[in-house]
Each structure stands twice: as structure tokens, then as C-alpha cells.
């Protein structure tokens, strides 16, 4: 399974777990390379969401709240309903 998160990042299921991959340019060509590995889909998705929230350039509390809302909505649309996480 491959779930694109944006143009540069995606989640890929493998026979042993889950990878976060980023697109890298190498000698004039573009390819996907893994940079984080996880044993569960839940941990992979949590890491991706938290990472995007942490690195968002929001400069105020209201901007941060809006950013979290937009990021959460985008991830809900990206992830197929059968893989949605519930507590």
C-alpha cells in the first residue's frame, strides 16, 4: 500500500512494517527513499501528523490552532476509511 501525503512524502507498507519515504533527487533523476520505519500504521501516521504540526511556521496561537485543524482535515481525507484510527 502506498499513501501519498504530499508531493514529497508518502507512507509505504512493506512485508515487515511501514516506511515514511521522501522524494530525493540523485544525479538528475528523482526517486523515493525511506527515512523512518515503524512496526504499525498507527505509529507511522502519528509521526507524520505530529512532525508536520511541529514544523508548521505558525507565529501565534490562533495560527497554530488553524494549522492543526487544516492538517488534521487533510490527513482524514488522505487515509482510506478502513485505516482510520479510533481509540
N, C-alpha and C. Protein backbone atom coordinates (compact mmCIF):
# COMPACT_ATOMS: atom_id res chain seq x y z
N UNK A 1 0.84 -1.17 0.00
CA UNK A 1 0.00 0.00 0.00
C UNK A 1 0.89 1.24 0.00
N UNK A 2 0.52 2.21 -0.80
CA UNK A 2 1.22 3.48 -0.85
C UNK A 2 0.19 4.59 -0.64
N UNK A 3 0.44 5.43 0.37
CA UNK A 3 -0.44 6.56 0.65
C UNK A 3 0.37 7.84 0.51
N UNK A 4 0.15 8.60 -0.57
CA UNK A 4 0.87 9.86 -0.72
C UNK A 4 0.35 10.90 0.27
N UNK A 5 1.27 11.53 1.00
CA UNK A 5 0.89 12.58 1.95
C UNK A 5 0.97 13.95 1.30
N UNK A 6 1.94 14.15 0.44
CA UNK A 6 2.08 15.36 -0.37
C UNK A 6 3.02 15.01 -1.52
N UNK A 7 3.51 16.01 -2.24
CA UNK A 7 4.36 15.76 -3.40
C UNK A 7 5.72 15.16 -3.03
N UNK A 8 6.15 15.35 -1.78
CA UNK A 8 7.49 14.92 -1.38
C UNK A 8 7.52 13.80 -0.35
N UNK A 9 6.37 13.42 0.20
CA UNK A 9 6.33 12.44 1.28
C UNK A 9 5.21 11.43 1.07
N UNK A 10 5.47 10.18 1.45
CA UNK A 10 4.44 9.15 1.36
C UNK A 10 4.68 8.08 2.41
N UNK A 11 3.62 7.31 2.70
CA UNK A 11 3.69 6.15 3.59
C UNK A 11 3.63 4.92 2.70
N UNK A 12 4.53 3.97 2.95
CA UNK A 12 4.57 2.74 2.15
C UNK A 12 4.54 1.54 3.09
N UNK A 13 3.63 0.62 2.81
CA UNK A 13 3.59 -0.64 3.55
C UNK A 13 4.56 -1.63 2.92
N UNK A 14 5.31 -2.33 3.75
CA UNK A 14 6.25 -3.34 3.28
C UNK A 14 5.91 -4.67 3.94
N UNK A 15 6.66 -5.70 3.61
CA UNK A 15 6.40 -7.01 4.21
C UNK A 15 6.75 -7.04 5.70
N UNK A 16 7.55 -6.10 6.17
CA UNK A 16 7.98 -6.09 7.57
C UNK A 16 7.42 -4.95 8.40
N UNK A 17 6.79 -3.98 7.78
CA UNK A 17 6.27 -2.85 8.54
C UNK A 17 5.87 -1.71 7.62
N UNK A 18 6.08 -0.49 8.09
CA UNK A 18 5.69 0.72 7.38
C UNK A 18 6.88 1.66 7.29
N UNK A 19 6.96 2.37 6.18
CA UNK A 19 8.04 3.34 5.97
C UNK A 19 7.45 4.70 5.64
N UNK A 20 8.13 5.74 6.12
CA UNK A 20 7.90 7.08 5.60
C UNK A 20 8.99 7.29 4.57
N UNK A 21 8.60 7.71 3.38
CA UNK A 21 9.56 7.93 2.31
C UNK A 21 9.48 9.37 1.84
N UNK A 22 10.63 9.89 1.37
CA UNK A 22 10.64 11.22 0.77
C UNK A 22 11.28 11.13 -0.60
N UNK A 23 10.82 12.00 -1.47
CA UNK A 23 11.37 12.04 -2.83
C UNK A 23 12.72 12.74 -2.78
N UNK A 24 13.73 12.12 -3.38
CA UNK A 24 15.08 12.66 -3.41
C UNK A 24 15.55 12.78 -4.86
N UNK A 25 16.29 13.82 -5.13
CA UNK A 25 16.90 13.98 -6.44
C UNK A 25 18.33 13.45 -6.36
N UNK A 26 18.69 12.62 -7.32
CA UNK A 26 20.01 11.99 -7.32
C UNK A 26 20.50 11.87 -8.76
N UNK A 27 21.55 12.59 -9.05
CA UNK A 27 22.17 12.55 -10.38
C UNK A 27 21.15 12.77 -11.50
N UNK A 28 20.34 13.79 -11.34
CA UNK A 28 19.39 14.16 -12.38
C UNK A 28 18.10 13.39 -12.40
N UNK A 29 17.94 12.39 -11.56
CA UNK A 29 16.68 11.65 -11.52
C UNK A 29 16.08 11.74 -10.12
N UNK A 30 14.81 11.46 -10.04
CA UNK A 30 14.09 11.53 -8.77
C UNK A 30 13.72 10.12 -8.33
N UNK A 31 13.88 9.84 -7.04
CA UNK A 31 13.49 8.52 -6.54
C UNK A 31 13.01 8.65 -5.08
N UNK A 32 12.26 7.64 -4.65
CA UNK A 32 11.75 7.60 -3.28
C UNK A 32 12.74 6.86 -2.39
N UNK A 33 13.02 7.44 -1.22
CA UNK A 33 13.91 6.80 -0.25
C UNK A 33 13.26 6.81 1.13
N UNK A 34 13.32 5.69 1.84
CA UNK A 34 12.77 5.66 3.21
C UNK A 34 13.67 6.44 4.17
N UNK A 35 13.04 7.11 5.15
CA UNK A 35 13.82 7.81 6.17
C UNK A 35 13.36 7.50 7.59
N UNK A 36 12.22 6.85 7.75
CA UNK A 36 11.73 6.40 9.07
C UNK A 36 10.99 5.09 8.88
N UNK A 37 11.13 4.20 9.85
CA UNK A 37 10.49 2.89 9.79
C UNK A 37 9.66 2.68 11.05
N UNK A 38 8.50 2.01 10.90
CA UNK A 38 7.59 1.77 12.01
C UNK A 38 7.00 0.38 11.90
N UNK A 39 6.62 -0.18 13.04
CA UNK A 39 6.02 -1.51 13.03
C UNK A 39 4.51 -1.46 12.81
N UNK A 40 3.87 -0.31 13.07
CA UNK A 40 2.42 -0.21 12.89
C UNK A 40 2.05 1.01 12.05
N UNK A 41 0.92 0.90 11.38
CA UNK A 41 0.41 2.02 10.60
C UNK A 41 0.10 3.20 11.50
N UNK A 42 -0.45 2.91 12.66
CA UNK A 42 -0.80 3.97 13.63
C UNK A 42 0.41 4.83 13.97
N UNK A 43 1.53 4.21 14.30
CA UNK A 43 2.73 4.97 14.66
C UNK A 43 3.26 5.78 13.48
N UNK A 44 3.18 5.22 12.29
CA UNK A 44 3.63 5.92 11.09
C UNK A 44 2.81 7.18 10.87
N UNK A 45 1.50 7.04 10.94
CA UNK A 45 0.61 8.17 10.72
C UNK A 45 0.76 9.22 11.82
N UNK A 46 0.86 8.78 13.07
CA UNK A 46 1.05 9.72 14.18
C UNK A 46 2.33 10.53 14.00
N UNK A 47 3.41 9.85 13.63
CA UNK A 47 4.68 10.54 13.44
C UNK A 47 4.56 11.59 12.34
N UNK A 48 3.94 11.23 11.22
CA UNK A 48 3.80 12.15 10.09
C UNK A 48 2.98 13.39 10.48
N UNK A 49 1.85 13.17 11.15
CA UNK A 49 1.00 14.28 11.57
C UNK A 49 1.72 15.17 12.58
N UNK A 50 2.30 14.57 13.61
CA UNK A 50 2.98 15.35 14.65
C UNK A 50 4.16 16.12 14.07
N UNK A 51 4.89 15.51 13.15
CA UNK A 51 6.02 16.18 12.53
C UNK A 51 5.57 17.41 11.74
N UNK A 52 4.51 17.26 10.98
CA UNK A 52 4.01 18.39 10.21
C UNK A 52 3.50 19.51 11.11
N UNK A 53 2.83 19.16 12.19
CA UNK A 53 2.34 20.18 13.13
C UNK A 53 3.52 20.88 13.80
N UNK A 54 4.52 20.12 14.25
CA UNK A 54 5.68 20.72 14.93
C UNK A 54 6.45 21.68 14.05
N UNK A 55 6.55 21.40 12.77
CA UNK A 55 7.37 22.22 11.89
C UNK A 55 6.58 23.29 11.14
N UNK A 56 5.30 23.41 11.43
CA UNK A 56 4.48 24.44 10.77
C UNK A 56 4.97 25.83 11.21
N UNK A 57 4.99 26.80 10.31
CA UNK A 57 5.53 28.12 10.65
C UNK A 57 4.55 29.06 11.37
N UNK A 58 3.54 28.54 12.04
CA UNK A 58 2.58 29.40 12.74
C UNK A 58 3.31 30.29 13.75
N UNK A 59 2.87 31.57 13.79
CA UNK A 59 3.53 32.55 14.67
C UNK A 59 2.66 32.99 15.84
N UNK A 60 1.42 32.53 15.89
CA UNK A 60 0.54 32.91 17.00
C UNK A 60 -0.33 31.71 17.37
N UNK A 61 -0.99 31.82 18.49
CA UNK A 61 -1.85 30.74 18.95
C UNK A 61 -2.99 30.49 17.95
N UNK A 62 -3.60 31.54 17.46
CA UNK A 62 -4.71 31.36 16.51
C UNK A 62 -4.23 30.72 15.21
N UNK A 63 -3.04 31.09 14.74
CA UNK A 63 -2.48 30.45 13.54
C UNK A 63 -2.18 28.97 13.81
N UNK A 64 -1.68 28.67 14.99
CA UNK A 64 -1.37 27.29 15.34
C UNK A 64 -2.63 26.44 15.40
N UNK A 65 -3.69 26.96 15.99
CA UNK A 65 -4.96 26.23 16.07
C UNK A 65 -5.51 25.98 14.67
N UNK A 66 -5.46 26.99 13.83
CA UNK A 66 -5.94 26.84 12.44
C UNK A 66 -5.09 25.82 11.70
N UNK A 67 -3.77 25.84 11.89
CA UNK A 67 -2.88 24.90 11.21
C UNK A 67 -3.19 23.46 11.62
N UNK A 68 -3.39 23.23 12.91
CA UNK A 68 -3.72 21.88 13.39
C UNK A 68 -5.02 21.41 12.77
N UNK A 69 -6.00 22.29 12.70
CA UNK A 69 -7.29 21.92 12.11
C UNK A 69 -7.14 21.55 10.63
N UNK A 70 -6.40 22.36 9.88
CA UNK A 70 -6.22 22.10 8.45
C UNK A 70 -5.43 20.81 8.22
N UNK A 71 -4.38 20.61 8.99
CA UNK A 71 -3.56 19.40 8.86
C UNK A 71 -4.38 18.16 9.18
N UNK A 72 -5.14 18.20 10.27
CA UNK A 72 -5.97 17.05 10.66
C UNK A 72 -7.01 16.73 9.58
N UNK A 73 -7.64 17.75 9.02
CA UNK A 73 -8.63 17.52 7.97
C UNK A 73 -7.99 16.91 6.73
N UNK A 74 -6.81 17.40 6.37
CA UNK A 74 -6.12 16.87 5.19
C UNK A 74 -5.77 15.40 5.36
N UNK A 75 -5.28 15.03 6.55
CA UNK A 75 -4.93 13.63 6.79
C UNK A 75 -6.17 12.74 6.82
N UNK A 76 -7.27 13.25 7.33
CA UNK A 76 -8.51 12.47 7.31
C UNK A 76 -8.93 12.17 5.88
N UNK A 77 -8.73 13.10 4.97
CA UNK A 77 -9.10 12.89 3.58
C UNK A 77 -8.13 11.95 2.87
N UNK A 78 -6.87 11.93 3.28
CA UNK A 78 -5.85 11.11 2.63
C UNK A 78 -5.95 9.63 2.98
N UNK A 79 -6.31 9.35 4.21
CA UNK A 79 -6.28 7.97 4.70
C UNK A 79 -7.61 7.28 4.39
N UNK A 80 -7.57 6.13 3.72
CA UNK A 80 -8.81 5.40 3.43
C UNK A 80 -9.59 5.09 4.71
N UNK A 81 -10.91 5.09 4.64
CA UNK A 81 -11.74 4.94 5.83
C UNK A 81 -11.47 3.64 6.59
N UNK A 82 -11.09 2.57 5.89
CA UNK A 82 -10.82 1.30 6.59
C UNK A 82 -9.55 1.35 7.44
N UNK A 83 -8.73 2.39 7.24
CA UNK A 83 -7.49 2.52 8.02
C UNK A 83 -7.56 3.66 9.02
N UNK A 84 -8.73 4.27 9.17
CA UNK A 84 -8.86 5.35 10.14
C UNK A 84 -8.65 4.81 11.54
N UNK A 85 -7.99 5.59 12.35
CA UNK A 85 -7.65 5.15 13.71
C UNK A 85 -8.75 5.60 14.68
N UNK A 86 -9.12 4.70 15.56
CA UNK A 86 -10.09 5.04 16.59
C UNK A 86 -9.55 4.59 17.92
N UNK A 87 -9.95 5.29 18.94
CA UNK A 87 -9.44 4.96 20.28
C UNK A 87 -10.44 4.16 21.05
